[in-house]
Protein backbone atom coordinates (compact mmCIF):
# COMPACT_ATOMS: atom_id res chain seq x y z
CA MET A 1 -5.99 5.86 67.28
CA HIS A 2 -6.87 2.52 65.79
CA LEU A 3 -10.45 1.39 66.53
CA GLN A 4 -11.17 -2.24 67.38
CA SER A 5 -14.87 -2.03 66.91
CA THR A 6 -17.85 0.37 66.49
CA THR A 7 -21.27 -0.23 68.08
CA PHE A 8 -24.36 1.53 66.78
CA MET A 9 -27.25 1.66 69.27
CA THR A 10 -30.38 3.06 67.75
CA PHE A 11 -33.86 4.03 68.88
CA SER A 12 -35.98 4.63 65.65
CA PRO A 13 -39.80 4.31 65.90
CA GLY A 14 -40.45 5.73 62.71
CA GLY A 15 -37.27 4.55 60.70
CA LYS A 16 -35.79 7.94 60.06
CA THR A 17 -33.01 7.82 62.72
CA LYS A 18 -32.20 4.33 61.50
CA THR A 19 -31.70 5.70 57.98
CA ILE A 20 -29.13 8.23 59.20
CA MET A 21 -27.35 5.64 61.30
CA GLU A 22 -27.18 3.11 58.60
CA THR A 23 -25.76 5.75 56.22
CA VAL A 24 -23.08 6.61 58.83
CA ALA A 25 -22.47 2.92 59.46
CA ARG A 26 -21.74 2.23 55.80
CA HIS A 27 -18.56 4.27 56.15
CA CYS A 28 -17.31 2.26 59.10
CA GLN A 29 -13.82 0.78 58.42
CA CYS A 30 -13.68 -1.56 61.48
CA ARG A 31 -15.68 -4.43 62.78
CA SER A 32 -19.16 -3.10 63.66
CA PHE A 33 -22.31 -4.13 65.69
CA SER A 34 -25.87 -2.89 65.55
CA VAL A 35 -28.12 -2.86 68.71
CA ASN A 36 -31.90 -1.93 68.38
CA LEU A 37 -32.84 -0.19 71.45
CA LEU A 38 -36.51 0.22 70.31
CA PRO A 39 -38.21 -3.02 71.75
CA HIS A 40 -39.00 -3.10 75.30
CA GLN A 41 -35.97 -4.96 77.01
CA ASP A 42 -33.89 -5.42 80.12
CA PRO A 43 -30.97 -2.86 80.45
CA LEU A 44 -28.01 -3.55 78.39
CA ARG A 45 -24.87 -4.56 80.24
CA ARG A 46 -21.76 -3.71 78.18
CA GLN A 47 -18.22 -2.81 78.89
CA PHE A 48 -16.56 -0.56 76.36
CA GLU A 49 -12.65 -0.23 76.21
CA SER A 50 -10.92 2.78 75.15
CA GLU A 51 -10.51 1.60 71.44
CA GLU A 52 -14.31 0.74 70.99
CA LEU A 53 -16.60 3.43 69.52
CA LEU A 54 -20.12 3.88 70.64
CA VAL A 55 -22.58 5.66 68.36
CA THR A 56 -25.92 6.43 69.77
CA GLY A 57 -28.97 7.50 67.54
CA PHE A 58 -32.35 8.62 68.65
CA PRO A 59 -35.29 11.19 67.81
CA VAL A 60 -35.76 14.27 69.90
CA TYR A 61 -38.93 14.46 72.05
CA SER A 62 -39.92 18.07 73.13
CA GLY A 63 -36.20 19.01 73.25
CA ARG A 64 -35.13 15.95 75.31
CA MET A 65 -33.77 12.54 74.61
CA PRO A 66 -36.31 9.59 74.76
CA SER A 67 -36.96 8.66 78.38
CA PRO A 68 -36.73 4.95 77.76
CA LEU A 69 -33.06 5.24 76.88
CA VAL A 70 -32.18 6.05 80.50
CA LYS A 71 -33.16 2.50 81.62
CA ARG A 72 -31.96 0.83 78.37
CA LEU A 73 -28.46 2.22 78.74
CA ALA A 74 -28.35 2.34 82.64
CA TYR A 75 -25.54 -0.41 82.85
CA ILE A 76 -23.30 0.45 79.95
CA LYS A 77 -19.74 1.43 81.04
CA GLY A 78 -16.74 3.09 79.07
CA ASN A 79 -13.15 3.17 79.96
CA ARG A 80 -12.56 6.52 78.46
CA SER A 81 -14.11 5.20 75.39
CA PRO A 82 -15.05 7.51 72.30
CA ALA A 83 -18.73 8.06 71.67
CA VAL A 84 -20.88 10.01 69.10
CA VAL A 85 -24.30 11.26 69.55
CA ILE A 86 -26.73 11.52 66.70
CA ALA A 87 -30.14 13.00 66.98
CA THR A 88 -33.01 13.52 64.58
CA TYR A 89 -35.79 15.97 64.94
CA GLY A 90 -38.84 17.22 63.01
CA ASN A 91 -37.50 20.56 61.71
CA HIS A 92 -38.39 22.43 64.96
CA PHE A 93 -35.62 22.28 67.50
CA TYR A 94 -33.32 19.73 69.25
CA GLY A 95 -33.25 21.67 72.50
CA ASP A 96 -31.15 19.83 75.16
CA ALA A 97 -31.34 16.44 73.73
CA LEU A 98 -27.77 16.22 72.43
CA LEU A 99 -26.39 17.59 75.72
CA GLU A 100 -28.45 15.35 77.67
CA MET A 101 -27.15 12.25 75.99
CA ALA A 102 -23.62 13.48 76.10
CA ASP A 103 -23.83 14.07 79.92
CA PHE A 104 -25.35 10.66 80.26
CA LEU A 105 -22.52 8.99 78.35
CA SER A 106 -19.87 11.13 80.17
CA SER A 107 -21.15 10.03 83.46
CA ARG A 108 -20.75 6.42 82.39
CA GLY A 109 -17.02 6.69 81.40
CA PHE A 110 -17.32 7.79 77.69
CA VAL A 111 -15.71 10.74 75.95
CA VAL A 112 -18.03 12.30 73.39
CA ILE A 113 -15.95 13.23 70.44
CA GLY A 114 -18.69 14.00 67.93
CA GLY A 115 -22.32 14.77 67.41
CA ALA A 116 -24.88 15.51 64.70
CA ALA A 117 -28.55 16.65 64.44
CA PHE A 118 -30.49 15.72 61.38
CA ILE A 119 -34.03 16.57 60.32
CA GLY A 120 -36.43 13.71 59.94
CA ARG A 121 -40.07 13.55 59.05
CA HIS A 122 -42.11 14.67 61.93
CA ALA A 123 -43.47 11.68 63.72
CA VAL A 124 -46.82 12.90 64.65
CA PHE A 125 -47.37 15.38 61.66
CA PRO A 126 -46.03 13.73 58.55
CA ASP A 127 -46.66 16.70 56.40
CA ILE A 128 -43.78 18.53 58.33
CA ALA A 129 -40.44 17.80 56.79
CA GLU A 130 -42.17 14.95 54.93
CA ASP A 131 -39.38 14.17 52.63
CA ARG A 132 -36.64 14.35 55.19
CA PRO A 133 -34.04 12.87 55.47
CA ASN A 134 -33.60 13.57 51.77
CA ALA A 135 -30.55 12.89 49.39
CA SER A 136 -28.91 16.09 50.58
CA ASP A 137 -29.26 14.95 54.21
CA LEU A 138 -27.84 11.48 53.64
CA LYS A 139 -24.94 13.18 51.74
CA ARG A 140 -24.22 15.32 54.82
CA ALA A 141 -24.42 12.10 56.81
CA SER A 142 -21.80 10.39 54.70
CA ALA A 143 -19.59 13.44 54.95
CA PHE A 144 -19.94 13.54 58.58
CA ALA A 145 -19.02 9.77 58.83
CA GLN A 146 -15.88 10.47 56.71
CA THR A 147 -14.74 13.47 58.69
CA LEU A 148 -15.30 11.37 61.92
CA GLU A 149 -13.19 8.65 60.66
CA ALA A 150 -10.32 11.06 59.75
CA LYS A 151 -10.60 12.55 63.19
CA ILE A 152 -10.29 9.28 64.88
CA ASN A 153 -7.29 8.26 62.82
CA ARG A 154 -5.56 11.50 63.99
CA LEU A 155 -6.33 11.09 67.70
CA ASP A 156 -3.84 9.21 69.92
CA HIS A 157 -6.60 9.14 72.62
CA PRO A 158 -10.29 10.07 72.91
CA ASP A 159 -9.68 12.56 75.66
CA ASN A 160 -7.83 14.74 72.88
CA GLY A 161 -10.82 14.87 70.67
CA ALA A 162 -13.63 15.67 73.07
CA VAL A 163 -16.31 18.11 72.00
CA LEU A 164 -19.13 20.13 73.59
CA LEU A 165 -22.43 19.63 72.26
CA PRO A 166 -25.28 22.30 72.35
CA GLY A 167 -27.74 22.67 75.13
CA HIS A 168 -28.32 24.20 78.41
CA HIS A 169 -28.13 23.30 82.21
CA PRO A 170 -30.63 22.63 83.59
CA TYR A 171 -32.35 20.95 80.74
CA GLN A 172 -35.75 22.20 79.74
CA LYS A 173 -38.63 20.59 81.43
CA ALA A 174 -39.62 17.29 79.89
CA LYS A 175 -43.10 17.52 78.48
CA ARG A 176 -45.45 14.79 77.67
CA PHE A 177 -47.18 15.18 74.27
CA PRO A 178 -50.79 16.07 74.90
CA ALA A 179 -52.21 13.50 72.62
CA VAL A 180 -51.70 9.58 72.35
CA PRO A 181 -52.56 7.20 69.58
CA THR A 182 -55.67 5.30 70.01
CA SER A 183 -57.33 2.44 68.16
CA THR A 184 -60.18 2.97 65.61
CA LYS A 185 -63.32 0.99 65.66
CA ASP A 186 -61.91 -1.11 62.83
CA CYS A 187 -59.31 -2.65 65.43
CA ARG A 188 -59.00 -6.36 65.07
CA ILE A 189 -57.34 -6.78 68.32
CA CYS A 190 -54.40 -8.53 66.80
CA GLY A 191 -52.01 -7.27 69.22
CA VAL A 192 -49.09 -6.19 66.91
CA CYS A 193 -49.13 -2.73 68.41
CA ALA A 194 -48.79 -4.15 72.02
CA ILE A 195 -46.05 -6.45 70.99
CA ASN A 196 -43.97 -3.57 69.53
CA CYS A 197 -44.69 -0.69 71.82
CA PRO A 198 -41.38 0.28 73.49
CA VAL A 199 -42.77 1.33 76.79
CA GLN A 200 -45.52 -1.21 77.09
CA ALA A 201 -48.29 1.42 77.02
CA ILE A 202 -50.63 -0.90 75.14
CA PRO A 203 -52.07 -3.76 77.26
CA ARG A 204 -51.59 -7.11 75.58
CA ASP A 205 -55.02 -8.43 76.78
CA ALA A 206 -56.70 -5.22 75.44
CA PRO A 207 -54.55 -3.82 72.59
CA ASP A 208 -57.34 -1.40 71.74
CA LYS A 209 -56.47 0.79 74.63
CA THR A 210 -53.55 3.11 75.38
CA ASP A 211 -52.05 3.90 78.88
CA ARG A 212 -51.69 7.62 78.75
CA ASP A 213 -49.33 7.67 81.65
CA LYS A 214 -46.81 5.43 79.85
CA CYS A 215 -47.28 6.42 76.33
CA ILE A 216 -44.43 8.61 74.78
CA ALA A 217 -46.34 9.27 71.51
CA CYS A 218 -43.39 7.75 69.50
CA THR A 219 -45.82 6.46 66.96
CA THR A 220 -44.42 2.96 66.83
CA CYS A 221 -47.83 1.42 67.18
CA ILE A 222 -49.06 3.39 64.29
CA VAL A 223 -46.10 2.40 62.01
CA HIS A 224 -46.58 -1.34 62.86
CA CYS A 225 -50.39 -1.86 62.92
CA PRO A 226 -50.93 -4.07 59.77
CA TYR A 227 -54.56 -2.72 59.44
CA HIS A 228 -53.90 1.12 59.88
CA CYS A 229 -56.15 1.17 62.94
CA ARG A 230 -53.86 3.17 65.27
CA GLN A 231 -53.87 6.98 65.04
CA PHE A 232 -54.29 10.24 66.70
CA LYS A 233 -57.64 11.59 66.93
CA LYS A 234 -57.83 14.57 64.64
CA ARG A 235 -59.67 16.65 67.19
CA ASP A 236 -56.84 16.30 69.68
CA LEU A 237 -54.11 17.29 67.09
CA PHE A 238 -55.94 20.32 65.40
CA LEU A 239 -54.49 23.20 67.42
CA ILE A 240 -51.21 21.49 68.15
CA HIS A 241 -50.73 20.96 64.39
CA LYS A 242 -51.55 24.56 63.71
CA LYS A 243 -48.90 25.78 66.01
CA ALA A 244 -46.27 23.20 64.81
CA VAL A 245 -46.76 24.24 61.21
CA LYS A 246 -46.01 27.79 62.31
CA THR A 247 -42.90 27.07 64.12
CA THR A 248 -41.40 24.71 61.23
CA ARG A 249 -41.87 27.01 58.26
CA VAL A 250 -38.02 27.75 57.98
CA ILE A 251 -36.49 24.63 56.35
CA LEU A 252 -33.53 23.65 58.48
CA SER A 253 -30.31 21.94 57.67
CA PRO A 254 -28.17 19.15 59.51
CA GLU A 255 -25.68 20.43 62.09
CA THR A 256 -22.50 18.54 63.08
CA TRP A 257 -19.90 18.97 65.77
CA LEU A 258 -16.42 17.34 65.45
């Protein structure tokens, strides 16, 4: 199968998913496009043909794909177009996230021909998987991209390369993280966090506040605050961190499906 183009759609609050996606993209042999799904935006409207590849990349939240992607990608359509699902997670578990995105894309006319799960530094607890993705992970990402390329070259149609990604039906219940980032007393009300929040959980007229009902604890505001005034309250994270450390003691490796 000869690809006409590849589109990389990435949701990467902390930059770790972006690192993996960029590594994979470097091995792309055809015309490629990059779409940043992180900023709050109207739903994308894009029709993919059978020789156009879509690669989606996102972090896992409590075993599920990020909820904003449902609206971001609501109007993309495939014509039995090939798709690849890439997820990153904080060395705990990826749950049903890969399957959820695969189902989502299949319902919109895509054929999932590959998938991968990579470990990235935990968004909330940076001491967990703090050096991931590391050089070994990026080597695996490159190998995945090369094997994917070889597979596509062998296919006469995406339907002949469909894969099943791990997960369960029904998906595990979506859980909201029990804490949200807040502003410290040093907040300068600059509004950078509000501008960058992917779910508009920070009011632009009161950027020192956080709407707990909207926040998905993605940490975009923490990453972008120029004065380091956005953070989780330590007392809110103490018990959660203790449990998280216990469940991430085993160092995990990337997994791929082709």
